[in-house]
Amino acid sequence: MKWVKTTSTVSTSKERVMSGIPRIKVNNFSTFYYQYEYSLLDAMEAQEIPAPYNCRGGYCGCCRVRLIDGEVEEVQDALYDTVGDEILACCTKPVSHVEIEIPDE
């Protein structure tokens, strides 16, 4: 399953390949390039971004972030139900450039 949140048109597979390595922008932290870690959570940890998590399996919802822009795909099934533009960082990886927001709570 893919989640898409974008202000422009949805890109085709060819356009995604042409755009290169996905860029990840995290609110109040930094922008970095995805190095093909297993999940978005792993990518943030590799950059030493203090992303909240607990189970790493999509059960608890502690790693939920808001997808502001871009496209992600599921790498594992989640049992936690997200609402609106929320995604689970442990269960998704970027397909295109993405911008996410880690909640303050």
C-alpha atoms as a PDB file:
ATOM      1  CA  MET A   1       0.000   0.000   0.000  1.00  0.00           C
ATOM      2  CA  LYS A   2       1.287   3.492  -0.831  1.00  0.00           C
ATOM      3  CA  TRP A   3       0.474   6.802   0.817  1.00  0.00           C
ATOM      4  CA  VAL A   4       0.789   9.916  -1.269  1.00  0.00           C
ATOM      5  CA  LYS A   5       0.620  13.472   0.027  1.00  0.00           C
ATOM      6  CA  THR A   6       1.683  16.059  -2.477  1.00  0.00           C
ATOM      7  CA  THR A   7       0.815  19.504  -3.658  1.00  0.00           C
ATOM      8  CA  SER A   8       1.793  18.621  -7.227  1.00  0.00           C
ATOM      9  CA  THR A   9       0.632  15.849  -9.509  1.00  0.00           C
ATOM     10  CA  VAL A  10       1.373  12.235  -8.642  1.00  0.00           C
ATOM     11  CA  SER A  11       4.649  11.169 -10.229  1.00  0.00           C
ATOM     12  CA  THR A  12       5.031   8.125 -12.435  1.00  0.00           C
ATOM     13  CA  SER A  13       7.538   5.346 -11.767  1.00  0.00           C
ATOM     14  CA  LYS A  14       9.821   6.711 -14.488  1.00  0.00           C
ATOM     15  CA  GLU A  15       9.807  10.192 -12.926  1.00  0.00           C
ATOM     16  CA  ARG A  16      10.698   8.717  -9.506  1.00  0.00           C
ATOM     17  CA  VAL A  17      13.676   6.883 -11.002  1.00  0.00           C
ATOM     18  CA  MET A  18      14.825  10.026 -12.760  1.00  0.00           C
ATOM     19  CA  SER A  19      14.635  12.083  -9.558  1.00  0.00           C
ATOM     20  CA  GLY A  20      17.325   9.954  -7.888  1.00  0.00           C
ATOM     21  CA  ILE A  21      17.712   9.086  -4.233  1.00  0.00           C
ATOM     22  CA  PRO A  22      14.774  10.191  -2.057  1.00  0.00           C
ATOM     23  CA  ARG A  23      15.427  13.195   0.167  1.00  0.00           C
ATOM     24  CA  ILE A  24      13.910  13.217   3.660  1.00  0.00           C
ATOM     25  CA  LYS A  25      13.132  16.503   5.388  1.00  0.00           C
ATOM     26  CA  VAL A  26      12.292  16.273   9.091  1.00  0.00           C
ATOM     27  CA  ASN A  27      10.796  19.267  10.888  1.00  0.00           C
ATOM     28  CA  ASN A  28      13.146  21.096  13.272  1.00  0.00           C
ATOM     29  CA  PHE A  29      16.022  18.707  12.500  1.00  0.00           C
ATOM     30  CA  SER A  30      17.586  18.312   9.099  1.00  0.00           C
ATOM     31  CA  THR A  31      17.285  17.224   5.515  1.00  0.00           C
ATOM     32  CA  PHE A  32      19.164  14.125   4.400  1.00  0.00           C
ATOM     33  CA  TYR A  33      19.189  11.525   1.658  1.00  0.00           C
ATOM     34  CA  TYR A  34      17.681   8.092   2.156  1.00  0.00           C
ATOM     35  CA  GLN A  35      20.417   5.447   2.209  1.00  0.00           C
ATOM     36  CA  TYR A  36      18.069   2.488   1.662  1.00  0.00           C
ATOM     37  CA  GLU A  37      17.645   1.553   5.299  1.00  0.00           C
ATOM     38  CA  TYR A  38      14.783  -0.848   6.053  1.00  0.00           C
ATOM     39  CA  SER A  39      12.359   1.855   7.188  1.00  0.00           C
ATOM     40  CA  LEU A  40      11.918   5.565   7.670  1.00  0.00           C
ATOM     41  CA  LEU A  41      12.544   5.022  11.400  1.00  0.00           C
ATOM     42  CA  ASP A  42      15.880   3.331  10.680  1.00  0.00           C
ATOM     43  CA  ALA A  43      16.826   6.174   8.325  1.00  0.00           C
ATOM     44  CA  MET A  44      16.136   8.779  11.026  1.00  0.00           C
ATOM     45  CA  GLU A  45      18.102   6.799  13.602  1.00  0.00           C
ATOM     46  CA  ALA A  46      21.074   6.562  11.209  1.00  0.00           C
ATOM     47  CA  GLN A  47      21.040  10.384  11.126  1.00  0.00           C
ATOM     48  CA  GLU A  48      20.774  10.529  14.955  1.00  0.00           C
ATOM     49  CA  ILE A  49      17.348  12.161  14.816  1.00  0.00           C
ATOM     50  CA  PRO A  50      15.530  11.414  18.094  1.00  0.00           C
ATOM     51  CA  ALA A  51      12.488   9.700  16.610  1.00  0.00           C
ATOM     52  CA  PRO A  52      10.109   8.124  19.132  1.00  0.00           C
ATOM     53  CA  TYR A  53       9.462   4.381  18.889  1.00  0.00           C
ATOM     54  CA  ASN A  54       8.661   1.365  21.012  1.00  0.00           C
ATOM     55  CA  CYS A  55       7.739  -1.892  19.249  1.00  0.00           C
ATOM     56  CA  ARG A  56       9.206  -1.445  15.709  1.00  0.00           C
ATOM     57  CA  GLY A  57       6.406  -3.643  14.424  1.00  0.00           C
ATOM     58  CA  GLY A  58       3.455  -1.319  13.840  1.00  0.00           C
ATOM     59  CA  TYR A  59       1.587  -2.342  16.988  1.00  0.00           C
ATOM     60  CA  CYS A  60       1.886   0.657  19.319  1.00  0.00           C
ATOM     61  CA  GLY A  61       1.833   3.784  17.125  1.00  0.00           C
ATOM     62  CA  CYS A  62       4.662   5.486  19.040  1.00  0.00           C
ATOM     63  CA  CYS A  63       6.585   6.132  15.818  1.00  0.00           C
ATOM     64  CA  ARG A  64       3.756   7.885  14.002  1.00  0.00           C
ATOM     65  CA  VAL A  65       4.713  11.003  12.099  1.00  0.00           C
ATOM     66  CA  ARG A  66       2.792  13.359   9.845  1.00  0.00           C
ATOM     67  CA  LEU A  67       3.470  13.071   6.113  1.00  0.00           C
ATOM     68  CA  ILE A  68       3.509  16.663   4.876  1.00  0.00           C
ATOM     69  CA  ASP A  69       4.660  15.989   1.329  1.00  0.00           C
ATOM     70  CA  GLY A  70       5.850  13.073  -0.794  1.00  0.00           C
ATOM     71  CA  GLU A  71       5.137   9.379  -1.178  1.00  0.00           C
ATOM     72  CA  VAL A  72       5.958   6.395   1.036  1.00  0.00           C
ATOM     73  CA  GLU A  73       5.250   2.686   0.777  1.00  0.00           C
ATOM     74  CA  GLU A  74       4.621   0.064   3.417  1.00  0.00           C
ATOM     75  CA  VAL A  75       7.505  -2.322   4.248  1.00  0.00           C
ATOM     76  CA  GLN A  76       5.516  -4.256   6.840  1.00  0.00           C
ATOM     77  CA  ASP A  77       1.873  -4.483   7.874  1.00  0.00           C
ATOM     78  CA  ALA A  78       0.785  -2.306  10.788  1.00  0.00           C
ATOM     79  CA  LEU A  79      -1.911  -3.149  13.303  1.00  0.00           C
ATOM     80  CA  TYR A  80      -2.099   0.420  14.589  1.00  0.00           C
ATOM     81  CA  ASP A  81      -4.682   2.484  12.718  1.00  0.00           C
ATOM     82  CA  THR A  82      -3.376   5.864  11.607  1.00  0.00           C
ATOM     83  CA  VAL A  83      -5.586   8.893  11.050  1.00  0.00           C
ATOM     84  CA  GLY A  84      -5.453  11.328   8.130  1.00  0.00           C
ATOM     85  CA  ASP A  85      -1.920  12.142   7.046  1.00  0.00           C
ATOM     86  CA  GLU A  86      -0.216  10.060   9.766  1.00  0.00           C
ATOM     87  CA  ILE A  87       2.180   7.261   8.854  1.00  0.00           C
ATOM     88  CA  LEU A  88       4.187   4.845  10.990  1.00  0.00           C
ATOM     89  CA  ALA A  89       7.914   5.430  10.548  1.00  0.00           C
ATOM     90  CA  CYS A  90       8.723   1.803  11.443  1.00  0.00           C
ATOM     91  CA  CYS A  91       6.438   0.451   8.719  1.00  0.00           C
ATOM     92  CA  THR A  92       7.171   2.732   5.764  1.00  0.00           C
ATOM     93  CA  LYS A  93      10.003   3.862   3.522  1.00  0.00           C
ATOM     94  CA  PRO A  94      10.182   6.812   1.116  1.00  0.00           C
ATOM     95  CA  VAL A  95       9.484   6.314  -2.573  1.00  0.00           C
ATOM     96  CA  SER A  96       9.978   9.982  -3.470  1.00  0.00           C
ATOM     97  CA  HIS A  97      11.302  13.052  -1.698  1.00  0.00           C
ATOM     98  CA  VAL A  98       9.328  13.352   1.545  1.00  0.00           C
ATOM     99  CA  GLU A  99       8.742  15.916   4.252  1.00  0.00           C
ATOM    100  CA  ILE A 100       7.610  14.646   7.633  1.00  0.00           C
ATOM    101  CA  GLU A 101       6.796  16.155  11.001  1.00  0.00           C
ATOM    102  CA  ILE A 102       7.546  14.423  14.288  1.00  0.00           C
ATOM    103  CA  PRO A 103       4.824  15.287  16.817  1.00  0.00           C
ATOM    104  CA  ASP A 104       5.774  17.250  19.944  1.00  0.00           C
ATOM    105  CA  GLU A 105       3.920  14.867  22.256  1.00  0.00           C
END
